[in-house]
N, C-alpha and C. Protein backbone atom coordinates (compact mmCIF):
# COMPACT_ATOMS: atom_id res chain seq x y z
N UNK A 1 -5.68 96.37 23.83
CA UNK A 1 -6.19 96.08 22.46
C UNK A 1 -5.43 96.65 21.55
N UNK A 2 -4.77 96.00 20.43
CA UNK A 2 -4.16 96.66 19.50
C UNK A 2 -5.02 97.16 18.46
N UNK A 3 -4.77 98.46 18.09
CA UNK A 3 -5.49 99.03 17.11
C UNK A 3 -5.09 98.98 15.77
N UNK A 4 -3.83 98.49 15.47
CA UNK A 4 -3.28 98.40 14.24
C UNK A 4 -4.09 97.13 13.43
N UNK A 5 -4.67 96.35 14.11
CA UNK A 5 -5.42 95.27 13.36
C UNK A 5 -6.64 95.78 12.72
N UNK A 6 -7.16 96.88 13.12
CA UNK A 6 -8.36 97.45 12.54
C UNK A 6 -8.13 98.74 11.52
N UNK A 7 -6.99 98.93 11.04
CA UNK A 7 -6.76 99.86 10.12
C UNK A 7 -7.15 99.73 8.78
N UNK A 8 -7.44 98.32 8.24
CA UNK A 8 -7.90 98.18 7.10
C UNK A 8 -9.35 98.29 7.27
N UNK A 9 -9.89 99.30 6.38
CA UNK A 9 -11.44 99.56 6.17
C UNK A 9 -12.00 99.22 4.93
N UNK A 10 -11.37 98.17 4.25
CA UNK A 10 -11.91 97.84 2.93
C UNK A 10 -13.03 96.94 3.13
N UNK A 11 -13.57 96.61 2.05
CA UNK A 11 -14.91 95.68 2.11
C UNK A 11 -14.72 94.35 2.94
N UNK A 12 -13.33 94.01 3.13
CA UNK A 12 -13.18 92.77 3.94
C UNK A 12 -13.46 92.95 5.49
N UNK A 13 -13.63 94.18 5.97
CA UNK A 13 -14.03 94.35 7.22
C UNK A 13 -15.24 93.60 7.63
N UNK A 14 -15.47 92.95 8.69
CA UNK A 14 -16.74 92.49 9.20
C UNK A 14 -17.24 93.33 10.22
N UNK A 15 -18.46 93.81 9.81
CA UNK A 15 -19.11 94.74 10.67
C UNK A 15 -20.41 94.37 11.02
N UNK A 16 -20.71 94.27 12.36
CA UNK A 16 -22.00 93.89 12.91
C UNK A 16 -22.96 95.16 13.22
N UNK A 17 -23.93 95.37 12.49
CA UNK A 17 -24.94 96.43 12.74
C UNK A 17 -26.05 96.02 13.81
N UNK A 18 -26.41 96.84 14.64
CA UNK A 18 -27.48 96.58 15.57
C UNK A 18 -28.46 97.69 15.73
N UNK A 19 -29.84 97.21 15.67
CA UNK A 19 -30.76 98.08 15.90
C UNK A 19 -32.07 97.50 16.59
N UNK A 20 -32.84 98.10 16.95
CA UNK A 20 -34.14 97.28 17.79
C UNK A 20 -35.39 97.78 16.93
N UNK A 21 -36.54 96.98 17.28
CA UNK A 21 -37.76 97.25 16.59
C UNK A 21 -38.74 97.88 17.50
N UNK A 22 -39.71 98.51 16.86
CA UNK A 22 -40.88 99.26 17.75
C UNK A 22 -41.57 98.22 18.84
N UNK A 23 -42.13 99.21 19.83
CA UNK A 23 -42.77 98.41 20.78
C UNK A 23 -44.00 99.33 21.11
N UNK A 24 -45.01 98.62 21.75
CA UNK A 24 -46.09 99.35 22.22
C UNK A 24 -45.95 99.82 23.77
N UNK A 25 -45.80 101.02 23.88
CA UNK A 25 -45.54 101.62 25.28
C UNK A 25 -46.90 101.38 26.05
N UNK A 26 -48.02 101.13 25.61
CA UNK A 26 -49.13 100.97 26.47
C UNK A 26 -49.13 99.77 27.30
N UNK A 27 -48.38 98.70 26.93
CA UNK A 27 -48.13 97.43 27.46
C UNK A 27 -46.91 97.24 28.27
N UNK A 28 -47.23 97.43 29.51
CA UNK A 28 -45.95 97.52 30.41
C UNK A 28 -45.60 96.22 31.04
N UNK A 29 -46.35 95.20 31.02
CA UNK A 29 -46.16 94.04 31.72
C UNK A 29 -45.53 93.03 30.72
N UNK A 30 -44.51 92.37 31.18
CA UNK A 30 -43.73 91.47 30.30
C UNK A 30 -43.33 91.98 28.94
N UNK A 31 -43.15 93.28 28.83
CA UNK A 31 -42.92 93.90 27.54
C UNK A 31 -41.43 93.73 27.02
N UNK A 32 -41.28 93.45 25.66
CA UNK A 32 -39.88 93.37 25.35
C UNK A 32 -39.74 93.82 23.83
N UNK A 33 -38.65 94.24 23.46
CA UNK A 33 -38.35 94.74 22.22
C UNK A 33 -37.36 93.71 21.56
N UNK A 34 -37.58 93.79 20.17
CA UNK A 34 -36.62 92.78 19.40
C UNK A 34 -35.44 93.51 19.20
N UNK A 35 -34.21 92.84 19.24
CA UNK A 35 -32.92 93.31 18.92
C UNK A 35 -32.26 92.46 17.74
N UNK A 36 -31.89 93.10 16.78
CA UNK A 36 -31.44 92.56 15.41
C UNK A 36 -30.04 92.90 15.41
N UNK A 37 -29.14 91.94 15.22
CA UNK A 37 -27.59 92.13 14.89
C UNK A 37 -27.46 91.36 13.66
N UNK A 38 -26.96 92.30 12.69
CA UNK A 38 -26.62 91.87 11.25
C UNK A 38 -25.04 91.95 10.89
N UNK A 39 -24.70 90.94 10.46
CA UNK A 39 -23.20 90.97 10.02
C UNK A 39 -23.00 91.05 8.65
N UNK A 40 -22.12 92.09 8.31
CA UNK A 40 -21.94 92.57 6.76
C UNK A 40 -20.31 91.99 6.53
N UNK A 41 -20.11 91.69 5.22
CA UNK A 41 -18.83 91.52 4.89
C UNK A 41 -18.89 91.39 3.35
N UNK A 42 -18.02 92.34 2.67
CA UNK A 42 -18.22 92.31 1.37
C UNK A 42 -19.46 92.86 0.77
N UNK A 43 -20.02 93.77 1.54
CA UNK A 43 -21.40 94.42 1.24
C UNK A 43 -22.39 93.28 1.22
N UNK A 44 -22.19 92.36 1.91
CA UNK A 44 -23.21 91.17 1.81
C UNK A 44 -23.52 90.78 3.31
N UNK A 45 -24.84 90.56 3.61
CA UNK A 45 -25.33 89.97 4.87
C UNK A 45 -24.82 88.42 4.97
N UNK A 46 -23.93 88.25 6.19
CA UNK A 46 -23.47 86.86 6.16
C UNK A 46 -24.09 86.05 7.35
N UNK A 47 -24.79 86.89 8.25
CA UNK A 47 -25.15 86.28 9.45
C UNK A 47 -26.41 87.28 10.03
N UNK A 48 -27.43 86.73 10.60
CA UNK A 48 -28.29 87.52 11.54
C UNK A 48 -28.61 86.79 12.76
N UNK A 49 -28.62 87.68 13.95
CA UNK A 49 -28.81 87.09 15.24
C UNK A 49 -29.97 88.13 15.85
N UNK A 50 -30.82 87.37 16.44
CA UNK A 50 -32.10 88.10 17.15
C UNK A 50 -31.95 87.85 18.47
N UNK A 51 -32.61 88.77 19.33
CA UNK A 51 -32.54 88.70 20.73
C UNK A 51 -33.97 89.71 21.35
N UNK A 52 -34.19 89.27 22.49
CA UNK A 52 -35.35 90.13 23.02
C UNK A 52 -34.76 90.79 24.46
N UNK A 53 -35.15 92.16 24.58
CA UNK A 53 -34.43 92.89 25.63
C UNK A 53 -35.95 93.41 26.27
N UNK A 54 -35.63 93.72 27.65
CA UNK A 54 -36.78 94.42 28.30
C UNK A 54 -37.00 95.78 28.13
N UNK A 55 -38.13 96.26 27.95
CA UNK A 55 -38.38 97.55 27.70
C UNK A 55 -38.04 98.46 28.93
N UNK A 56 -37.17 99.29 28.90
CA UNK A 56 -36.67 100.20 29.91
C UNK A 56 -35.84 99.07 30.82
N UNK A 57 -35.46 98.03 30.41
CA UNK A 57 -34.68 97.27 31.37
C UNK A 57 -33.31 97.44 31.49
N UNK A 58 -32.53 96.46 31.96
CA UNK A 58 -30.99 96.57 32.20
C UNK A 58 -30.26 95.42 31.63
N UNK A 59 -30.91 94.71 30.52
CA UNK A 59 -30.27 93.52 30.07
C UNK A 59 -29.65 93.80 28.71
N UNK A 60 -29.65 94.94 28.21
CA UNK A 60 -29.18 95.04 26.60
C UNK A 60 -27.75 94.51 26.55
N UNK A 61 -26.83 94.82 27.51
CA UNK A 61 -25.36 94.46 27.30
C UNK A 61 -25.37 92.90 27.36
N UNK A 62 -26.09 92.26 28.35
CA UNK A 62 -25.95 90.78 28.41
C UNK A 62 -26.48 90.14 27.19
N UNK A 63 -27.81 90.54 26.75
CA UNK A 63 -28.28 90.10 25.58
C UNK A 63 -27.58 90.19 24.35
N UNK A 64 -26.99 91.53 24.19
CA UNK A 64 -26.28 91.72 23.01
C UNK A 64 -24.78 90.96 23.02
N UNK A 65 -24.39 90.74 24.01
CA UNK A 65 -22.98 89.97 24.25
C UNK A 65 -23.29 88.66 23.80
N UNK A 66 -24.36 88.06 24.24
CA UNK A 66 -24.75 86.52 23.88
C UNK A 66 -25.12 86.56 22.39
N UNK A 67 -25.61 87.48 21.73
CA UNK A 67 -25.98 87.45 20.30
C UNK A 67 -24.79 87.50 19.60
N UNK A 68 -23.77 88.19 20.05
CA UNK A 68 -22.53 88.25 19.14
C UNK A 68 -21.54 87.31 19.49
N UNK A 69 -21.68 86.41 20.47
CA UNK A 69 -20.93 85.49 20.95
C UNK A 69 -20.43 84.48 19.89
N UNK A 70 -21.11 84.10 19.04
CA UNK A 70 -20.83 83.11 18.05
C UNK A 70 -20.49 83.67 16.66
N UNK A 71 -20.25 84.93 16.60
CA UNK A 71 -20.07 85.59 15.34
C UNK A 71 -18.62 86.00 15.41
N UNK A 72 -17.92 85.87 14.08
CA UNK A 72 -16.68 86.45 13.86
C UNK A 72 -16.80 87.77 13.23
N UNK A 73 -16.18 88.88 13.94
CA UNK A 73 -16.42 90.34 13.42
C UNK A 73 -15.41 91.20 13.86
N UNK A 74 -15.20 92.22 13.24
CA UNK A 74 -14.13 93.33 13.67
C UNK A 74 -14.64 94.37 14.27
N UNK A 75 -15.76 95.03 13.95
CA UNK A 75 -16.33 96.23 14.51
C UNK A 75 -17.80 95.96 14.83
N UNK A 76 -18.34 96.44 15.82
CA UNK A 76 -19.80 96.63 16.16
C UNK A 76 -20.39 98.09 15.88
N UNK A 77 -21.45 98.19 15.18
CA UNK A 77 -22.01 99.70 15.10
C UNK A 77 -23.56 99.49 15.59
N UNK A 78 -23.81 100.32 16.62
CA UNK A 78 -25.06 100.41 17.24
C UNK A 78 -25.78 101.72 16.58
N UNK A 79 -27.07 101.60 16.66
CA UNK A 79 -27.88 102.66 16.04
C UNK A 79 -28.28 103.53 17.35
N UNK A 80 -27.38 103.89 18.21
CA UNK A 80 -27.44 104.58 19.45
C UNK A 80 -26.89 103.87 20.66
N UNK A 81 -27.07 104.26 21.81
CA UNK A 81 -26.78 103.42 23.14
C UNK A 81 -27.94 103.05 23.74
N UNK A 82 -29.04 103.59 23.36
CA UNK A 82 -30.45 103.33 23.91
C UNK A 82 -31.30 102.59 22.97
N UNK A 83 -31.57 101.20 23.52
CA UNK A 83 -32.58 100.36 22.95
C UNK A 83 -33.82 99.97 23.85
N UNK A 84 -35.04 99.74 23.07
CA UNK A 84 -36.14 99.35 23.99
C UNK A 84 -36.35 100.35 25.12
N UNK A 85 -36.60 101.71 24.43
CA UNK A 85 -36.81 102.74 25.45
C UNK A 85 -35.37 103.27 26.11
N UNK A 86 -35.19 102.77 27.39
CA UNK A 86 -34.14 103.40 28.04
C UNK A 86 -33.24 102.15 28.62
N UNK A 87 -33.23 101.08 27.87
CA UNK A 87 -32.31 100.14 27.90
C UNK A 87 -31.05 100.33 27.41
N UNK A 88 -30.00 100.76 28.13
CA UNK A 88 -28.90 101.26 27.72
C UNK A 88 -27.70 100.41 27.54
N UNK A 89 -26.88 100.63 26.34
CA UNK A 89 -25.72 99.59 26.12
C UNK A 89 -24.56 100.48 26.67
N UNK A 90 -23.83 99.80 27.62
CA UNK A 90 -22.59 100.49 28.19
C UNK A 90 -21.45 99.96 26.99
N UNK A 91 -21.11 100.87 26.13
CA UNK A 91 -20.32 100.62 24.98
C UNK A 91 -18.87 100.40 25.66
N UNK A 92 -18.44 100.87 26.72
CA UNK A 92 -17.17 100.72 27.28
C UNK A 92 -17.19 99.30 27.78
N UNK A 93 -18.22 98.71 28.34
CA UNK A 93 -18.12 97.40 28.82
C UNK A 93 -18.38 96.28 27.69
N UNK A 94 -19.07 96.74 26.58
CA UNK A 94 -19.17 95.98 25.51
C UNK A 94 -17.95 95.79 24.69
N UNK A 95 -17.11 96.83 24.58
CA UNK A 95 -15.83 96.73 23.91
C UNK A 95 -14.78 95.76 24.70
N UNK A 96 -14.97 96.00 26.20
CA UNK A 96 -14.15 95.06 26.96
C UNK A 96 -14.69 93.55 26.82
N UNK A 97 -16.07 93.22 26.68
CA UNK A 97 -16.33 91.95 26.86
C UNK A 97 -16.18 91.32 25.30
N UNK A 98 -16.20 92.06 24.21
CA UNK A 98 -15.95 91.37 22.85
C UNK A 98 -14.46 91.65 22.38
N UNK A 99 -13.93 92.59 22.95
CA UNK A 99 -12.52 92.88 22.63
C UNK A 99 -12.55 93.32 21.09
N UNK A 100 -13.48 94.30 20.79
CA UNK A 100 -13.43 94.74 19.47
C UNK A 100 -14.10 96.23 19.68
N UNK A 101 -13.66 97.18 18.62
CA UNK A 101 -14.13 98.54 18.80
C UNK A 101 -15.87 98.57 18.53
N UNK A 102 -16.39 99.36 19.35
CA UNK A 102 -17.85 99.78 19.32
C UNK A 102 -18.19 101.19 19.08
N UNK A 103 -18.95 101.45 17.94
CA UNK A 103 -19.43 102.75 17.42
C UNK A 103 -20.73 102.68 17.52
N UNK A 104 -21.35 103.90 18.34
CA UNK A 104 -22.65 104.15 18.58
C UNK A 104 -22.99 105.27 17.73
N UNK A 105 -23.89 105.22 16.86
CA UNK A 105 -24.06 106.36 15.66
C UNK A 105 -25.62 106.81 15.98
N UNK A 106 -25.83 107.97 15.76
CA UNK A 106 -27.10 108.69 15.95
C UNK A 106 -27.20 109.60 14.68
N UNK A 107 -28.46 109.61 14.20
CA UNK A 107 -28.74 110.57 13.08
C UNK A 107 -29.05 112.03 13.53
N UNK A 108 -29.46 112.15 14.74
CA UNK A 108 -29.74 113.47 15.44
C UNK A 108 -28.67 113.66 16.43
N UNK A 109 -28.34 114.74 16.95
CA UNK A 109 -27.48 115.07 17.97
C UNK A 109 -28.07 114.53 19.17
N UNK A 110 -27.67 113.76 20.11
CA UNK A 110 -28.26 113.26 21.42
C UNK A 110 -28.36 114.47 22.37
N UNK A 111 -29.42 114.57 22.96
CA UNK A 111 -29.78 115.55 24.17
C UNK A 111 -29.60 114.92 25.33
N UNK A 112 -28.33 114.96 25.80
CA UNK A 112 -28.03 114.34 27.08
C UNK A 112 -28.58 115.02 28.35
N UNK A 113 -28.69 116.26 28.11
CA UNK A 113 -29.47 117.12 29.31
C UNK A 113 -30.98 116.41 29.55
N UNK A 114 -31.50 116.32 28.36
CA UNK A 114 -32.95 115.77 28.41
C UNK A 114 -32.97 114.37 28.89
N UNK A 115 -32.00 113.52 28.35
CA UNK A 115 -31.92 112.19 28.72
C UNK A 115 -31.65 111.94 30.27
N UNK A 116 -30.77 112.93 30.90
CA UNK A 116 -30.63 112.92 32.39
C UNK A 116 -32.11 113.30 33.25
N UNK A 117 -32.51 114.26 32.62
CA UNK A 117 -33.78 114.50 33.14
C UNK A 117 -34.80 113.49 33.27
N UNK A 118 -34.99 112.72 32.17
CA UNK A 118 -35.89 111.65 32.05
C UNK A 118 -35.43 110.65 33.00
N UNK A 119 -34.15 110.18 32.96
CA UNK A 119 -33.68 109.15 33.90
C UNK A 119 -33.89 109.53 35.33
N UNK A 120 -33.71 110.69 35.80
CA UNK A 120 -33.96 111.21 37.24
C UNK A 120 -35.47 110.92 37.68
N UNK A 121 -36.38 111.42 36.58
CA UNK A 121 -37.82 111.26 36.82
C UNK A 121 -38.37 110.03 36.72
N UNK A 122 -37.80 109.14 36.09
CA UNK A 122 -38.41 107.75 35.73
C UNK A 122 -37.92 106.53 36.58
N UNK A 123 -36.55 106.69 36.95
CA UNK A 123 -35.93 105.57 37.43
C UNK A 123 -35.07 105.70 38.64
N UNK A 124 -35.44 104.92 39.61
CA UNK A 124 -34.73 104.88 40.84
C UNK A 124 -33.32 104.64 40.70
N UNK A 125 -32.82 103.95 39.77
CA UNK A 125 -31.38 103.66 39.53
C UNK A 125 -30.98 104.60 38.54
N UNK A 126 -31.40 105.83 38.36
CA UNK A 126 -31.12 106.84 37.30
C UNK A 126 -29.57 106.96 37.40
N UNK A 127 -28.82 107.17 38.47
CA UNK A 127 -27.40 107.49 38.53
C UNK A 127 -26.55 106.37 37.75
N UNK A 128 -26.92 105.12 38.17
CA UNK A 128 -26.34 104.09 37.33
C UNK A 128 -26.50 104.14 35.91
N UNK A 129 -27.68 104.41 35.56
CA UNK A 129 -27.84 104.47 33.99
C UNK A 129 -27.24 105.65 33.44
N UNK A 130 -27.29 106.66 34.18
CA UNK A 130 -26.57 107.86 33.64
C UNK A 130 -25.27 107.65 33.50
N UNK A 131 -24.57 106.87 34.44
CA UNK A 131 -23.24 106.60 34.12
C UNK A 131 -22.90 105.67 32.82
N UNK A 132 -23.63 105.09 32.46
CA UNK A 132 -23.57 104.39 31.16
C UNK A 132 -23.52 105.38 30.07
N UNK A 133 -24.54 106.27 30.15
CA UNK A 133 -24.39 107.52 29.16
C UNK A 133 -22.98 108.19 29.09
N UNK A 134 -22.46 108.50 30.38
CA UNK A 134 -21.23 109.15 30.38
C UNK A 134 -19.99 108.14 30.04
N UNK A 135 -20.37 106.89 29.97
CA UNK A 135 -19.15 105.96 29.85
C UNK A 135 -18.90 105.90 28.29
N UNK A 136 -20.04 106.37 27.59
CA UNK A 136 -19.75 106.52 26.16
C UNK A 136 -18.89 107.41 25.61
N UNK A 137 -18.40 108.45 26.43
CA UNK A 137 -17.28 109.37 25.97
C UNK A 137 -17.75 110.52 25.14
N UNK A 138 -16.71 111.00 24.53
CA UNK A 138 -17.00 112.25 23.76
C UNK A 138 -17.98 112.03 22.38
N UNK A 139 -18.86 113.07 22.18
CA UNK A 139 -19.49 113.00 21.00
C UNK A 139 -18.76 113.55 19.93
N UNK A 140 -18.81 112.85 18.76
CA UNK A 140 -18.12 113.28 17.45
C UNK A 140 -19.12 113.36 16.40
N UNK A 141 -18.85 114.13 15.38
CA UNK A 141 -19.71 114.29 14.30
C UNK A 141 -19.00 114.02 12.90
N UNK A 142 -19.78 113.58 11.92
CA UNK A 142 -19.09 113.42 10.67
C UNK A 142 -20.14 113.27 9.62
N UNK A 143 -19.73 113.72 8.18
CA UNK A 143 -20.52 113.68 7.16
C UNK A 143 -20.02 112.62 6.04
N UNK A 144 -20.70 111.48 6.11
CA UNK A 144 -20.18 110.54 4.96
C UNK A 144 -20.48 111.02 3.71
N UNK A 145 -21.52 111.82 3.54
CA UNK A 145 -21.98 112.39 2.17
C UNK A 145 -22.13 113.99 2.37
N UNK A 146 -21.44 114.58 1.55
CA UNK A 146 -21.28 116.31 1.77
C UNK A 146 -22.69 116.88 1.64
N UNK A 147 -23.69 116.34 0.89
CA UNK A 147 -24.80 116.99 0.72
C UNK A 147 -25.86 116.53 1.68
N UNK A 148 -25.50 115.44 2.59
CA UNK A 148 -26.45 115.13 3.67
C UNK A 148 -26.15 115.58 5.05
N UNK A 149 -27.20 115.57 5.98
CA UNK A 149 -26.73 116.09 7.33
C UNK A 149 -25.66 115.17 8.10
N UNK A 150 -25.23 115.59 9.08
CA UNK A 150 -24.01 115.16 9.74
C UNK A 150 -24.62 113.87 10.63
N UNK A 151 -23.72 112.77 10.84
CA UNK A 151 -23.98 111.70 11.82
C UNK A 151 -23.30 112.04 12.81
N UNK A 152 -23.77 111.68 14.26
CA UNK A 152 -23.03 111.84 15.32
C UNK A 152 -22.72 110.38 16.05
N UNK A 153 -21.50 110.34 16.51
CA UNK A 153 -21.20 109.01 17.01
C UNK A 153 -20.21 109.12 18.35
N UNK A 154 -20.13 107.95 18.97
CA UNK A 154 -19.39 107.78 20.19
C UNK A 154 -18.58 106.35 19.93
N UNK A 155 -17.41 106.55 20.36
CA UNK A 155 -16.63 105.21 19.96
C UNK A 155 -15.67 104.76 21.19
N UNK A 156 -15.46 103.39 21.44
CA UNK A 156 -14.61 102.84 22.24
C UNK A 156 -13.96 101.70 21.66
N UNK A 157 -12.72 101.64 22.07
CA UNK A 157 -11.68 100.56 21.44
C UNK A 157 -10.99 100.93 20.14
N UNK A 158 -11.21 102.16 19.74
CA UNK A 158 -10.53 102.73 18.50
C UNK A 158 -10.62 104.23 18.34
N UNK A 159 -9.94 104.91 17.45
CA UNK A 159 -10.06 106.26 17.63
C UNK A 159 -11.11 106.94 16.75
N UNK A 160 -11.38 108.08 16.84
CA UNK A 160 -12.50 108.83 16.13
C UNK A 160 -12.24 108.69 14.58
N UNK A 161 -10.97 108.82 14.35
CA UNK A 161 -10.69 108.82 12.94
C UNK A 161 -10.85 107.36 12.22
N UNK A 162 -10.45 106.43 12.98
CA UNK A 162 -10.71 105.03 12.62
C UNK A 162 -12.38 105.01 12.44
N UNK A 163 -13.20 105.43 13.40
CA UNK A 163 -14.57 105.10 13.21
C UNK A 163 -15.14 105.98 12.04
N UNK A 164 -14.55 107.20 11.77
CA UNK A 164 -15.07 107.96 10.57
C UNK A 164 -14.69 107.07 9.24
N UNK A 165 -13.66 106.43 9.16
CA UNK A 165 -13.28 105.53 8.10
C UNK A 165 -14.15 104.39 7.95
N UNK A 166 -14.54 103.87 9.00
CA UNK A 166 -15.42 102.66 9.00
C UNK A 166 -16.80 103.06 8.59
N UNK A 167 -17.26 104.11 9.18
CA UNK A 167 -18.49 104.65 8.75
C UNK A 167 -18.72 105.08 7.40
N UNK A 168 -17.73 105.62 6.86
CA UNK A 168 -17.57 106.09 5.41
C UNK A 168 -17.59 104.87 4.57
N UNK A 169 -16.81 103.81 4.89
CA UNK A 169 -16.78 102.54 4.15
C UNK A 169 -18.13 101.83 4.04
N UNK A 170 -18.97 101.83 5.19
CA UNK A 170 -20.28 101.07 5.17
C UNK A 170 -21.40 101.94 4.82
N UNK A 171 -21.25 103.24 4.59
CA UNK A 171 -22.28 104.09 4.13
C UNK A 171 -22.29 104.06 2.45
N UNK A 172 -23.04 102.90 2.12
CA UNK A 172 -22.95 102.73 0.58
C UNK A 172 -24.05 103.55 -0.21
N UNK A 173 -25.27 103.83 0.41
CA UNK A 173 -26.11 104.53 -0.38
C UNK A 173 -26.71 105.75 0.13
N UNK A 174 -26.40 105.81 1.48
CA UNK A 174 -26.83 107.10 2.29
C UNK A 174 -25.90 107.23 3.45
N UNK A 175 -26.14 108.19 4.28
CA UNK A 175 -25.23 108.55 5.34
C UNK A 175 -25.18 107.35 6.43
N UNK A 176 -26.45 106.65 6.56
CA UNK A 176 -26.53 105.67 7.43
C UNK A 176 -25.88 104.29 7.03
N UNK A 177 -24.95 103.98 7.76
CA UNK A 177 -24.24 102.67 7.33
C UNK A 177 -25.07 101.57 7.11
N UNK A 178 -24.76 100.77 6.00
CA UNK A 178 -25.58 99.72 5.71
C UNK A 178 -25.95 98.64 6.77
N UNK A 179 -24.78 98.18 7.67
CA UNK A 179 -25.25 97.28 8.62
C UNK A 179 -26.25 97.57 9.56
N UNK A 180 -26.47 99.01 10.02
CA UNK A 180 -27.30 99.39 10.73
C UNK A 180 -28.54 99.68 9.98
N UNK A 181 -28.69 100.07 8.82
CA UNK A 181 -29.92 100.11 8.09
C UNK A 181 -30.61 98.80 7.92
N UNK A 182 -29.78 97.75 7.53
CA UNK A 182 -30.25 96.55 7.60
C UNK A 182 -30.89 95.82 8.70
N UNK A 183 -30.10 96.18 9.81
CA UNK A 183 -30.68 95.67 11.15
C UNK A 183 -31.91 96.30 11.49
N UNK A 184 -31.99 97.62 11.14
CA UNK A 184 -33.14 98.29 11.54
C UNK A 184 -34.44 97.75 10.67
N UNK A 185 -34.38 97.51 9.44
CA UNK A 185 -35.25 96.90 8.45
C UNK A 185 -35.73 95.67 9.10
N UNK A 186 -34.82 94.77 9.43
CA UNK A 186 -35.10 93.39 9.85
C UNK A 186 -35.81 93.41 11.26
N UNK A 187 -35.43 94.20 12.20
CA UNK A 187 -36.04 94.40 13.46
C UNK A 187 -37.54 95.04 13.38
N UNK A 188 -37.79 95.96 12.35
CA UNK A 188 -39.09 96.61 12.24
C UNK A 188 -40.06 95.58 11.64
N UNK A 189 -39.47 94.72 10.43
CA UNK A 189 -40.28 93.99 9.81
C UNK A 189 -40.50 92.68 10.69
N UNK A 190 -39.75 92.12 11.44
CA UNK A 190 -40.08 90.97 12.39
C UNK A 190 -40.93 91.41 13.47
N UNK A 191 -40.83 92.64 13.97
CA UNK A 191 -41.65 93.18 15.12
C UNK A 191 -43.03 93.33 14.53
N UNK A 192 -43.25 93.75 13.37
CA UNK A 192 -44.49 94.06 12.88
C UNK A 192 -45.29 92.70 12.70
N UNK A 193 -44.64 91.66 12.45
CA UNK A 193 -45.23 90.31 12.25
C UNK A 193 -45.52 89.79 13.60
N UNK A 194 -44.74 89.89 14.53
CA UNK A 194 -45.14 89.29 15.83
C UNK A 194 -46.02 90.16 16.75
N UNK A 195 -46.25 91.38 16.37
CA UNK A 195 -46.85 92.34 17.36
C UNK A 195 -48.34 91.95 17.29
N UNK A 196 -49.09 91.74 18.49
CA UNK A 196 -50.51 91.62 18.50
C UNK A 196 -51.32 92.70 17.84
N UNK A 197 -52.15 92.21 16.96
CA UNK A 197 -53.24 93.07 16.24
C UNK A 197 -54.35 93.38 17.04
N UNK A 198 -55.02 94.39 16.94
CA UNK A 198 -56.25 94.58 17.53
C UNK A 198 -57.49 93.71 16.91
N UNK A 199 -58.30 93.18 17.79
CA UNK A 199 -59.28 92.06 17.27
C UNK A 199 -60.59 92.84 17.07
């Protein structure tokens, strides 16, 4: 994949932000989390796609690829590689299937040692899931705003310097890029509307 196509980090860049909604951990049967993908261009939301993934399942890559299929975009930004509990997105595979750079962003430094312990404890296929974590590659950090804490990120399909430029261009009002912030708001809001209330 040629990276020269993605050197322009102006507002014309089409960025998809992805985040999930909350879920009730007490309900383990047929449990799903809402996934929201929000397309930004020129600081404007131009498209929204929704999907459902299994809590702690293995369908995040498949569902996300389906959500992105009808969108025209340049970069994907994820709010981490873990959605719906431990439903992990293999960003290496997602980059290969979309042929676009993928950036996974965390507000806190990921504790991969703790993740590995949890996977070994709770999942018979923990080794396969751990391989997805390893596939994310090196962890970088960056401060879009000097007075705010660092962001941490992994990137596939582009360089770390490119990812920093994209993050900076999309962080309009805080260190968290707007596409991810908007996706999170939509996922949380719609999840609240659809979650069963106590009677």
